[in-house]
Amino acid sequence: MNKNKIMSINNLAGKNSLMNKNSIISNNSLTGKNNMIVKNNMIAKNNRMAEILIFLVFFICGFAGVLAPQAAECGSRLISASEIASRNIEDIKAFFVKNKIPADLMNKTLSPVQNSSHAPVGGVVYYRIDYQTVDHRGLPVVSSGLLALPSNAAGELKLVSYQHGTIFDDRDAPSRLNSCSEAEAVASVFVCNGFAAAMADYVGLGERVGFHPYFHAENAAADCDNFLKAVREFLSTRALRPAGGRVYIAGFSQGGHAALALQRRLESSGASESGLLPAASAVIGGACDPELVLRSWLIKSNALSSVVMGRILESYRIIYSIDEDSRQTIFRPPYDKISNDIAVRGNTIEKTLKLPARLKELLTDDFITRINGREDIFVKRLNENQVYKNWRAIAPVNFYHGGSDSVIPFIFSKIACRRMKVNGAKAELISAGAAADHADSIIPSCLMARDWFASINLIDNKR
């Protein structure tokens, strides 16, 4: 990014971290120290074809093989589950201290919610879940995610589905817990107060890096729904179940977009795979309207504008089969090839640094003119993927947003909240702090959402 400085969006410590042209702070760094860049390991072509063939069998008739007993019945989503880590209370404290997360946030994380009836939690147990889902074409693929449970989990648990924010090394998704501090911080907030926390990696991220349908609302919702079905299947093997057949939904940034897409799907008759109904949703610094994001960033770019919007546009070009030649009319060279490489083969910190900081340096003048004139096919596709305008949410929605967010401005959540209210939803806008920037809002917002979720009385879901 030449001499431009960029701020890590997932610096949960709440301090602005900067990088120059020679270094970038990992999106999952809480400490402000540079993480080592590791070369992207792609899955071998033959292994990939084998996975597809195996899961075509799953879709048709099920598979009674050695992958997992849970995958024996048609319609199952769970492939395998394995414990990958456990943390006791002292470990959790050490995590917060190591990552310079303010002590007051650590204390709130470990303090019981007022009037909570759950037993004290002695720690958190983490599982990697491999599951069957679909890509943007509806074809079967394998993906992964993270499930965090209280060490003393028993019976009914309030289940939180958390959708993570954009990551800039596509391997560092929640199931790679040691590389995804966002996942561990958020899981600690919820699980230390008796919740279960489920986090999909998303298709194309994590161990199986490939094409990720970035900001594609329909695929994000379907993928997270399939993950919840797999989670529900795994819980049943441990004699555990989501309380009331409900799920609490939350998400940050890109994950805020995915959270509302997931809620819309789960509330749509006949659409849900998991059979869970939303109890409430918490949208944190949500980028819920890609078209609004693009127009805002064309006026005032930030350090993340090019990599985020470039990936959105190139992903949409692929998803909607827009002419290959159109890439040269969207991106200035050599950014057309770089943006395609990021979309198709996955992103790394090294690739991110090759893009310009300003969006107008990434996009051609012709494309910007077409966008401003609302004449381009991309305007239609961007608008199709907003997630708050054309439906009425049944479960209540809280929008949490930092007052000093320089990436997704506070007014974006104000607009979304107002529109959802007009549509008849119960929605509220809550400040995550006047001085809070984009990533600063994650932990304070999750703490507020946790307390709100804990206060909601569930009506049993008979589905």
Protein backbone atom coordinates (compact mmCIF):
# COMPACT_ATOMS: atom_id res chain seq x y z
CA MET A 1 0.00 0.00 0.00
CA ASN A 2 2.98 2.21 -0.62
CA LYS A 3 3.44 4.78 2.13
CA ASN A 4 -0.14 4.74 3.33
CA LYS A 5 -0.75 3.47 6.83
CA ILE A 6 -3.49 1.05 7.62
CA MET A 7 -5.25 0.18 10.85
CA SER A 8 -6.00 -3.38 11.80
CA ILE A 9 -9.76 -3.88 11.93
CA ASN A 10 -9.48 -6.69 14.43
CA ASN A 11 -7.18 -4.99 16.93
CA LEU A 12 -9.38 -5.90 19.87
CA ALA A 13 -7.09 -4.22 22.37
CA GLY A 14 -8.74 -0.98 21.40
CA LYS A 15 -5.54 0.82 20.42
CA ASN A 16 -4.85 2.03 16.91
CA SER A 17 -2.12 -0.04 15.31
CA LEU A 18 -0.36 1.21 12.22
CA MET A 19 1.71 -0.38 9.56
CA ASN A 20 3.91 0.94 6.83
CA LYS A 21 4.67 -0.36 3.35
CA ASN A 22 6.94 -3.07 4.74
CA SER A 23 4.68 -4.46 7.43
CA ILE A 24 1.05 -5.05 8.23
CA ILE A 25 -0.56 -5.99 11.46
CA SER A 26 -2.58 -9.17 11.27
CA ASN A 27 -6.30 -8.58 11.27
CA ASN A 28 -6.49 -10.93 14.19
CA SER A 29 -3.76 -9.26 16.26
CA LEU A 30 -4.78 -8.04 19.66
CA THR A 31 -1.30 -7.13 20.68
CA GLY A 32 -0.27 -4.72 17.95
CA LYS A 33 2.75 -6.92 17.12
CA ASN A 34 3.28 -8.04 13.56
CA ASN A 35 2.37 -11.65 12.88
CA MET A 36 4.63 -13.68 10.64
CA ILE A 37 3.27 -14.03 7.13
CA VAL A 38 2.99 -17.64 6.11
CA LYS A 39 2.59 -18.74 2.52
CA ASN A 40 -0.93 -19.79 1.55
CA ASN A 41 -1.30 -23.56 1.36
CA MET A 42 -3.81 -24.55 -1.32
CA ILE A 43 -5.64 -27.85 -1.23
CA ALA A 44 -4.39 -30.20 -3.89
CA LYS A 45 -6.62 -30.47 -6.93
CA ASN A 46 -7.08 -34.22 -6.58
CA ASN A 47 -8.06 -33.93 -2.93
CA ARG A 48 -10.55 -31.25 -3.82
CA MET A 49 -12.17 -33.43 -6.48
CA ALA A 50 -12.31 -36.30 -3.99
CA GLU A 51 -14.13 -34.09 -1.49
CA ILE A 52 -16.70 -33.06 -4.07
CA LEU A 53 -17.34 -36.66 -5.12
CA ILE A 54 -17.73 -37.77 -1.52
CA PHE A 55 -20.26 -35.09 -0.74
CA LEU A 56 -22.25 -35.63 -3.90
CA VAL A 57 -22.83 -39.03 -2.32
CA PHE A 58 -23.88 -37.31 0.92
CA PHE A 59 -26.45 -35.23 -0.91
CA ILE A 60 -27.92 -38.18 -2.76
CA CYS A 61 -28.10 -40.93 -0.18
CA GLY A 62 -25.93 -40.27 2.85
CA PHE A 63 -22.68 -41.96 3.78
CA ALA A 64 -22.16 -44.61 6.42
CA GLY A 65 -18.38 -44.55 6.32
CA VAL A 66 -15.57 -43.74 8.68
CA LEU A 67 -15.67 -39.92 8.56
CA ALA A 68 -18.20 -39.69 11.37
CA PRO A 69 -21.17 -41.71 12.60
CA GLN A 70 -23.26 -38.52 12.47
CA ALA A 71 -22.97 -38.40 8.66
CA ALA A 72 -24.76 -41.74 8.21
CA GLU A 73 -28.24 -40.35 7.51
CA CYS A 74 -29.43 -38.42 4.50
CA GLY A 75 -29.71 -34.73 5.25
CA SER A 76 -26.96 -34.76 7.86
CA ARG A 77 -24.50 -31.87 7.78
CA LEU A 78 -21.99 -32.97 10.41
CA ILE A 79 -18.89 -34.69 9.03
CA SER A 80 -16.56 -34.67 12.02
CA ALA A 81 -15.86 -32.89 15.28
CA SER A 82 -12.67 -32.76 17.29
CA GLU A 83 -11.62 -30.99 20.46
CA ILE A 84 -8.84 -28.55 19.58
CA ALA A 85 -8.32 -26.56 22.79
CA SER A 86 -9.51 -25.89 26.30
CA ARG A 87 -9.08 -22.83 28.48
CA ASN A 88 -9.55 -22.52 32.22
CA ILE A 89 -10.26 -19.20 33.89
CA GLU A 90 -6.58 -18.46 34.42
CA ASP A 91 -5.91 -19.15 30.73
CA ILE A 92 -8.65 -16.72 29.78
CA LYS A 93 -7.22 -14.05 32.05
CA ALA A 94 -3.78 -14.60 30.54
CA PHE A 95 -5.25 -14.25 27.04
CA PHE A 96 -6.77 -10.88 27.89
CA VAL A 97 -3.59 -9.66 29.55
CA LYS A 98 -1.32 -10.88 26.75
CA ASN A 99 -3.43 -9.14 24.16
CA LYS A 100 -3.67 -5.92 26.14
CA ILE A 101 -7.43 -5.99 26.36
CA PRO A 102 -8.50 -3.49 29.04
CA ALA A 103 -8.96 -4.95 32.49
CA ASP A 104 -12.51 -3.68 32.82
CA LEU A 105 -13.53 -5.70 29.74
CA MET A 106 -11.83 -8.80 31.14
CA ASN A 107 -13.63 -8.35 34.47
CA LYS A 108 -16.98 -7.94 32.75
CA THR A 109 -16.30 -11.04 30.66
CA LEU A 110 -15.66 -13.13 33.75
CA SER A 111 -18.41 -11.61 35.90
CA PRO A 112 -21.80 -13.36 35.98
CA VAL A 113 -24.70 -11.65 34.26
CA GLN A 114 -27.11 -10.11 36.76
CA ASN A 115 -29.87 -12.54 37.80
CA SER A 116 -28.24 -15.32 35.74
CA SER A 117 -29.24 -18.84 36.75
CA HIS A 118 -26.45 -20.79 35.07
CA ALA A 119 -23.83 -22.64 37.11
CA PRO A 120 -20.37 -21.03 37.36
CA VAL A 121 -18.28 -21.85 34.31
CA GLY A 122 -14.84 -23.29 34.99
CA GLY A 123 -13.55 -22.87 31.48
CA VAL A 124 -14.15 -23.12 27.74
CA VAL A 125 -13.76 -26.18 25.51
CA TYR A 126 -13.25 -25.60 21.77
CA TYR A 127 -14.23 -27.96 18.97
CA ARG A 128 -13.51 -27.82 15.28
CA ILE A 129 -16.59 -28.82 13.28
CA ASP A 130 -16.26 -30.01 9.67
CA TYR A 131 -19.56 -29.93 7.86
CA GLN A 132 -21.27 -30.23 4.52
CA THR A 133 -22.56 -27.01 2.98
CA VAL A 134 -23.02 -25.45 -0.46
CA ASP A 135 -21.12 -22.92 -2.54
CA HIS A 136 -22.60 -19.97 -4.45
CA ARG A 137 -23.73 -22.33 -7.24
CA GLY A 138 -25.54 -24.62 -4.84
CA LEU A 139 -22.90 -27.35 -5.24
CA PRO A 140 -21.77 -29.38 -2.23
CA VAL A 141 -18.56 -28.35 -0.52
CA VAL A 142 -16.86 -29.03 2.80
CA SER A 143 -16.26 -26.22 5.24
CA SER A 144 -15.35 -25.82 8.88
CA GLY A 145 -16.19 -23.80 11.94
CA LEU A 146 -15.62 -23.40 15.66
CA LEU A 147 -17.88 -24.42 18.52
CA ALA A 148 -17.10 -23.23 22.05
CA LEU A 149 -18.84 -24.83 25.02
CA PRO A 150 -18.72 -24.31 28.79
CA SER A 151 -16.54 -26.96 30.39
CA ASN A 152 -19.54 -27.98 32.52
CA ALA A 153 -22.12 -27.89 29.70
CA ALA A 154 -25.24 -29.95 30.37
CA GLY A 155 -28.78 -30.12 29.06
CA GLU A 156 -30.08 -26.95 27.42
CA LEU A 157 -27.71 -24.18 26.38
CA LYS A 158 -28.40 -20.77 24.98
CA LEU A 159 -26.70 -20.97 21.58
CA VAL A 160 -25.05 -17.92 20.00
CA SER A 161 -24.22 -17.93 16.29
CA TYR A 162 -21.46 -15.36 15.79
CA GLN A 163 -20.45 -14.27 12.28
CA HIS A 164 -16.85 -13.02 12.19
CA GLY A 165 -15.54 -9.93 10.41
CA THR A 166 -13.35 -9.78 7.31
CA ILE A 167 -9.99 -11.49 7.67
CA PHE A 168 -6.99 -10.60 5.53
CA ASP A 169 -5.26 -13.95 5.64
CA ASP A 170 -7.94 -16.39 4.60
CA ARG A 171 -6.50 -19.24 6.65
CA ASP A 172 -6.98 -17.37 9.93
CA ALA A 173 -10.66 -18.20 10.40
CA PRO A 174 -12.24 -19.15 13.76
CA SER A 175 -11.49 -22.88 13.54
CA ARG A 176 -7.77 -21.97 13.52
CA LEU A 177 -8.23 -20.67 17.03
CA ASN A 178 -4.64 -19.69 17.74
CA SER A 179 -4.64 -17.46 14.63
CA CYS A 180 -8.04 -15.86 15.21
CA SER A 181 -8.10 -13.74 18.34
CA GLU A 182 -11.51 -12.33 17.44
CA ALA A 183 -12.94 -15.82 17.83
CA GLU A 184 -11.36 -16.50 21.22
CA ALA A 185 -12.25 -13.09 22.64
CA VAL A 186 -15.89 -13.33 21.54
CA ALA A 187 -16.22 -16.94 22.67
CA SER A 188 -14.87 -16.00 26.10
CA VAL A 189 -17.46 -13.24 26.48
CA PHE A 190 -20.38 -15.56 25.83
CA VAL A 191 -19.23 -18.96 27.07
CA CYS A 192 -17.99 -17.69 30.44
CA ASN A 193 -21.62 -16.86 31.13
CA GLY A 194 -23.01 -20.23 30.13
CA PHE A 195 -23.73 -19.74 26.42
CA ALA A 196 -22.50 -21.98 23.62
CA ALA A 197 -20.85 -20.05 20.78
CA ALA A 198 -20.82 -21.27 17.17
CA MET A 199 -18.72 -19.54 14.49
CA ALA A 200 -18.64 -20.65 10.85
CA ASP A 201 -15.37 -20.06 9.02
CA TYR A 202 -17.41 -19.34 5.82
CA VAL A 203 -16.98 -21.18 2.52
CA GLY A 204 -13.47 -20.74 1.12
CA LEU A 205 -11.85 -19.69 4.41
CA GLY A 206 -9.92 -21.62 7.05
CA GLU A 207 -8.25 -24.90 6.16
CA ARG A 208 -9.90 -25.05 2.74
CA VAL A 209 -8.89 -21.76 1.18
CA GLY A 210 -10.51 -21.08 -2.18
CA PHE A 211 -13.23 -18.93 -3.66
CA HIS A 212 -15.14 -17.18 -0.88
CA PRO A 213 -18.51 -15.68 -1.92
CA TYR A 214 -17.69 -12.38 -0.22
CA PHE A 215 -20.71 -10.34 0.89
CA HIS A 216 -23.06 -12.65 -0.99
CA ALA A 217 -26.05 -12.60 1.33
CA GLU A 218 -27.76 -15.76 0.09
CA ASN A 219 -24.67 -17.96 0.36
CA ALA A 220 -23.63 -16.50 3.71
CA ALA A 221 -27.06 -17.31 5.14
CA ALA A 222 -27.17 -20.82 3.69
CA ASP A 223 -23.63 -21.60 4.85
CA CYS A 224 -24.19 -20.41 8.43
CA ASP A 225 -27.53 -22.24 8.54
CA ASN A 226 -25.85 -25.49 7.43
CA PHE A 227 -23.19 -24.96 10.09
CA LEU A 228 -25.87 -24.54 12.75
CA LYS A 229 -27.44 -27.80 11.64
CA ALA A 230 -24.08 -29.54 12.02
CA VAL A 231 -23.63 -27.93 15.45
CA ARG A 232 -27.07 -29.07 16.50
CA GLU A 233 -26.23 -32.63 15.40
CA PHE A 234 -22.99 -32.56 17.36
CA LEU A 235 -24.68 -31.20 20.48
CA SER A 236 -27.18 -34.06 20.36
CA THR A 237 -24.31 -36.57 20.60
CA ARG A 238 -23.41 -34.93 23.92
CA ALA A 239 -27.02 -34.89 25.18
CA LEU A 240 -27.03 -31.10 24.69
CA ARG A 241 -29.59 -28.96 22.88
CA PRO A 242 -30.21 -25.29 22.03
CA ALA A 243 -32.54 -23.79 24.61
CA GLY A 244 -36.07 -23.53 23.28
CA GLY A 245 -34.95 -24.47 19.77
CA ARG A 246 -33.70 -20.92 19.39
CA VAL A 247 -30.47 -19.25 18.35
CA TYR A 248 -29.07 -15.85 19.27
CA ILE A 249 -27.38 -14.26 16.27
CA ALA A 250 -24.49 -11.79 16.31
CA GLY A 251 -21.91 -10.55 13.83
CA PHE A 252 -19.25 -7.91 13.30
CA SER A 253 -18.65 -5.87 10.11
CA GLN A 254 -18.93 -8.40 7.26
CA GLY A 255 -20.38 -10.66 9.92
CA GLY A 256 -23.07 -8.07 10.68
CA HIS A 257 -24.16 -8.39 7.05
CA ALA A 258 -24.12 -12.20 7.36
CA ALA A 259 -26.01 -12.06 10.67
CA LEU A 260 -29.02 -10.27 9.19
CA ALA A 261 -28.92 -12.51 6.11
CA LEU A 262 -29.00 -15.53 8.44
CA GLN A 263 -31.88 -14.13 10.48
CA ARG A 264 -33.88 -13.45 7.32
CA ARG A 265 -33.32 -17.04 6.13
CA LEU A 266 -34.20 -18.64 9.47
CA GLU A 267 -37.40 -16.60 9.65
CA SER A 268 -38.42 -17.49 6.09
CA SER A 269 -40.90 -20.36 5.91
CA GLY A 270 -39.32 -23.56 4.65
CA ALA A 271 -35.84 -22.08 4.20
CA SER A 272 -34.11 -23.19 7.39
CA GLU A 273 -31.89 -26.29 7.43
CA SER A 274 -31.09 -26.10 11.13
CA GLY A 275 -34.70 -25.80 12.30
CA LEU A 276 -33.65 -23.06 14.71
CA LEU A 277 -35.58 -19.82 15.10
CA PRO A 278 -33.84 -16.54 15.96
CA ALA A 279 -34.35 -15.26 19.50
CA ALA A 280 -32.57 -11.93 18.85
CA SER A 281 -29.81 -10.46 16.70
CA ALA A 282 -26.90 -8.15 17.52
CA VAL A 283 -25.31 -6.37 14.55
CA ILE A 284 -21.93 -4.84 15.44
CA GLY A 285 -20.45 -2.22 13.12
CA GLY A 286 -22.40 -3.90 10.36
CA ALA A 287 -21.67 -3.34 6.66
CA CYS A 288 -25.25 -4.20 5.82
CA ASP A 289 -25.55 -2.37 2.49
CA PRO A 290 -22.67 -2.97 0.02
CA GLU A 291 -23.89 -0.27 -2.37
CA LEU A 292 -23.96 2.33 0.40
CA VAL A 293 -20.48 1.23 1.45
CA LEU A 294 -19.13 1.68 -2.09
CA ARG A 295 -20.67 5.14 -2.52
CA SER A 296 -19.41 6.27 0.87
CA TRP A 297 -15.88 5.04 0.22
CA LEU A 298 -15.75 6.71 -3.18
CA ILE A 299 -16.26 9.99 -1.32
CA LYS A 300 -13.96 9.19 1.60
CA SER A 301 -11.69 6.15 1.42
CA ASN A 302 -10.09 4.41 4.37
CA ALA A 303 -7.21 1.99 4.66
CA LEU A 304 -9.45 -1.00 3.97
CA SER A 305 -11.51 0.37 1.09
CA SER A 306 -9.57 -1.13 -1.80
CA VAL A 307 -9.11 -4.65 -0.49
CA VAL A 308 -12.70 -4.95 0.75
CA MET A 309 -14.52 -3.35 -2.19
CA GLY A 310 -12.17 -4.90 -4.74
CA ARG A 311 -12.98 -8.35 -3.39
CA ILE A 312 -16.71 -7.63 -3.30
CA LEU A 313 -16.79 -6.50 -6.93
CA GLU A 314 -14.64 -9.34 -8.23
CA SER A 315 -16.63 -11.88 -6.21
CA TYR A 316 -19.89 -10.55 -7.67
CA ARG A 317 -18.42 -10.66 -11.17
CA ILE A 318 -17.71 -14.37 -10.67
CA ILE A 319 -20.93 -15.23 -8.82
CA TYR A 320 -23.19 -13.51 -11.36
CA SER A 321 -21.14 -14.63 -14.40
CA ILE A 322 -20.46 -11.09 -15.55
CA ASP A 323 -18.23 -10.96 -18.64
CA GLU A 324 -14.56 -11.73 -17.97
CA ASP A 325 -13.55 -8.72 -20.08
CA SER A 326 -15.46 -6.43 -17.72
CA ARG A 327 -12.70 -6.85 -15.13
CA GLN A 328 -10.46 -4.55 -17.15
CA THR A 329 -13.22 -1.92 -17.18
CA ILE A 330 -13.57 -2.09 -13.38
CA PHE A 331 -10.01 -2.18 -12.09
CA ARG A 332 -6.95 -0.22 -13.09
CA PRO A 333 -3.99 -2.45 -14.04
CA PRO A 334 -2.35 -4.30 -12.36
CA TYR A 335 -5.07 -4.35 -9.74
CA ASP A 336 -7.43 -6.30 -12.01
CA LYS A 337 -5.19 -9.35 -11.76
CA ILE A 338 -4.48 -8.89 -8.06
CA SER A 339 -8.18 -8.57 -7.22
CA ASN A 340 -8.94 -11.71 -9.23
CA ASP A 341 -6.14 -13.60 -7.48
CA ILE A 342 -7.51 -12.59 -4.07
CA ALA A 343 -11.06 -13.63 -5.00
CA VAL A 344 -10.17 -16.95 -6.63
CA ARG A 345 -7.19 -18.17 -4.60
CA GLY A 346 -7.72 -16.40 -1.29
CA ASN A 347 -6.22 -13.38 0.38
CA THR A 348 -2.97 -12.96 2.31
CA ILE A 349 -1.37 -9.98 3.97
CA GLU A 350 1.14 -9.84 1.13
CA LYS A 351 -1.60 -9.52 -1.47
CA THR A 352 -3.41 -6.87 0.56
CA LEU A 353 -0.29 -4.72 0.59
CA LYS A 354 -0.18 -4.71 -3.21
CA LEU A 355 -3.43 -2.77 -3.43
CA PRO A 356 -3.70 1.02 -3.21
CA ALA A 357 -5.15 2.68 -0.12
CA ARG A 358 -7.57 4.92 -2.02
CA LEU A 359 -10.51 3.34 -3.80
CA LYS A 360 -10.27 5.77 -6.72
CA GLU A 361 -6.77 4.46 -7.40
CA LEU A 362 -8.17 0.92 -7.67
CA LEU A 363 -11.19 1.59 -9.90
CA THR A 364 -11.27 3.05 -13.40
CA ASP A 365 -12.82 6.44 -14.04
CA ASP A 366 -15.26 4.83 -16.45
CA PHE A 367 -16.52 2.39 -13.82
CA ILE A 368 -16.91 5.14 -11.23
CA THR A 369 -18.91 7.19 -13.75
CA ARG A 370 -21.19 4.23 -14.42
CA ILE A 371 -21.68 3.58 -10.72
CA ASN A 372 -22.49 7.23 -10.05
CA GLY A 373 -24.98 7.15 -12.91
CA ARG A 374 -26.56 3.99 -11.50
CA GLU A 375 -26.32 2.44 -14.96
CA ASP A 376 -24.02 -0.47 -14.22
CA ILE A 377 -25.05 -4.06 -13.55
CA PHE A 378 -22.98 -3.95 -10.38
CA VAL A 379 -25.34 -1.37 -8.87
CA LYS A 380 -28.15 -3.90 -9.20
CA ARG A 381 -26.07 -6.70 -7.70
CA LEU A 382 -24.82 -4.57 -4.82
CA ASN A 383 -28.36 -3.50 -4.02
CA GLU A 384 -29.62 -7.09 -4.18
CA ASN A 385 -27.21 -7.97 -1.39
CA GLN A 386 -28.28 -5.39 1.16
CA VAL A 387 -29.88 -7.17 4.10
CA TYR A 388 -32.25 -4.78 5.87
CA LYS A 389 -34.55 -3.03 3.39
CA ASN A 390 -37.11 -5.43 2.01
CA TRP A 391 -38.21 -7.68 4.83
CA ARG A 392 -39.69 -7.51 8.32
CA ALA A 393 -37.63 -9.10 11.07
CA ILE A 394 -39.61 -11.06 13.63
CA ALA A 395 -36.94 -11.35 16.32
CA PRO A 396 -35.65 -8.06 17.77
CA VAL A 397 -32.46 -6.54 16.38
CA ASN A 398 -29.96 -4.34 18.20
CA PHE A 399 -27.40 -2.38 16.20
CA TYR A 400 -24.18 -1.65 18.11
CA HIS A 401 -21.73 0.82 16.61
CA GLY A 402 -18.66 2.76 17.64
CA GLY A 403 -19.15 6.51 17.56
CA SER A 404 -15.76 7.10 15.91
CA ASP A 405 -15.87 4.25 13.38
CA SER A 406 -13.68 5.31 10.45
CA VAL A 407 -14.35 2.17 8.38
CA ILE A 408 -18.14 1.75 8.54
CA PRO A 409 -19.57 5.09 9.70
CA PHE A 410 -22.01 5.15 12.61
CA ILE A 411 -24.72 6.57 10.37
CA PHE A 412 -24.84 3.29 8.42
CA SER A 413 -26.34 1.53 11.44
CA LYS A 414 -28.63 4.48 12.05
CA ILE A 415 -29.98 4.16 8.50
CA ALA A 416 -30.40 0.38 8.78
CA CYS A 417 -32.10 0.59 12.18
CA ARG A 418 -34.51 3.25 10.99
CA ARG A 419 -35.44 1.27 7.88
CA MET A 420 -36.04 -1.93 9.85
CA LYS A 421 -38.31 -0.01 12.22
CA VAL A 422 -40.27 1.36 9.26
CA ASN A 423 -40.65 -2.23 8.05
CA GLY A 424 -42.23 -3.15 11.39
CA ALA A 425 -39.28 -4.73 13.18
CA LYS A 426 -38.30 -4.11 16.77
CA ALA A 427 -34.88 -2.51 16.33
CA GLU A 428 -32.64 -0.33 18.48
CA LEU A 429 -29.39 1.56 17.88
CA ILE A 430 -26.87 1.45 20.75
CA SER A 431 -23.54 3.22 20.95
CA ALA A 432 -20.49 1.06 21.64
CA GLY A 433 -18.71 4.17 22.88
CA ALA A 434 -18.23 7.66 21.48
CA ALA A 435 -14.48 7.12 21.00
CA ALA A 436 -14.74 3.55 19.69
CA ASP A 437 -13.38 2.91 16.19
CA HIS A 438 -14.37 -0.09 14.08
CA ALA A 439 -12.69 -3.01 15.87
CA ASP A 440 -12.82 -1.24 19.24
CA SER A 441 -16.55 -1.96 19.33
CA ILE A 442 -16.34 -5.76 19.21
CA ILE A 443 -15.86 -6.71 22.86
CA PRO A 444 -17.98 -3.91 24.43
CA SER A 445 -20.79 -4.71 22.00
CA CYS A 446 -20.59 -8.45 22.65
CA LEU A 447 -20.77 -7.79 26.38
CA MET A 448 -23.89 -5.68 25.94
CA ALA A 449 -25.39 -8.26 23.58
CA ARG A 450 -24.60 -11.07 26.04
CA ASP A 451 -26.47 -9.29 28.82
CA TRP A 452 -29.37 -8.57 26.48
CA PHE A 453 -29.53 -12.17 25.26
CA ALA A 454 -29.48 -13.42 28.84
CA SER A 455 -32.49 -11.26 29.69
CA ILE A 456 -34.70 -12.63 26.91
CA ASN A 457 -37.32 -15.14 27.98
CA LEU A 458 -37.62 -17.83 25.34
CA ILE A 459 -40.86 -19.16 23.98
CA ASP A 460 -40.30 -22.80 23.18
CA ASN A 461 -39.78 -23.46 19.47
CA LYS A 462 -41.76 -26.53 18.39
CA ARG A 463 -40.18 -26.74 14.93
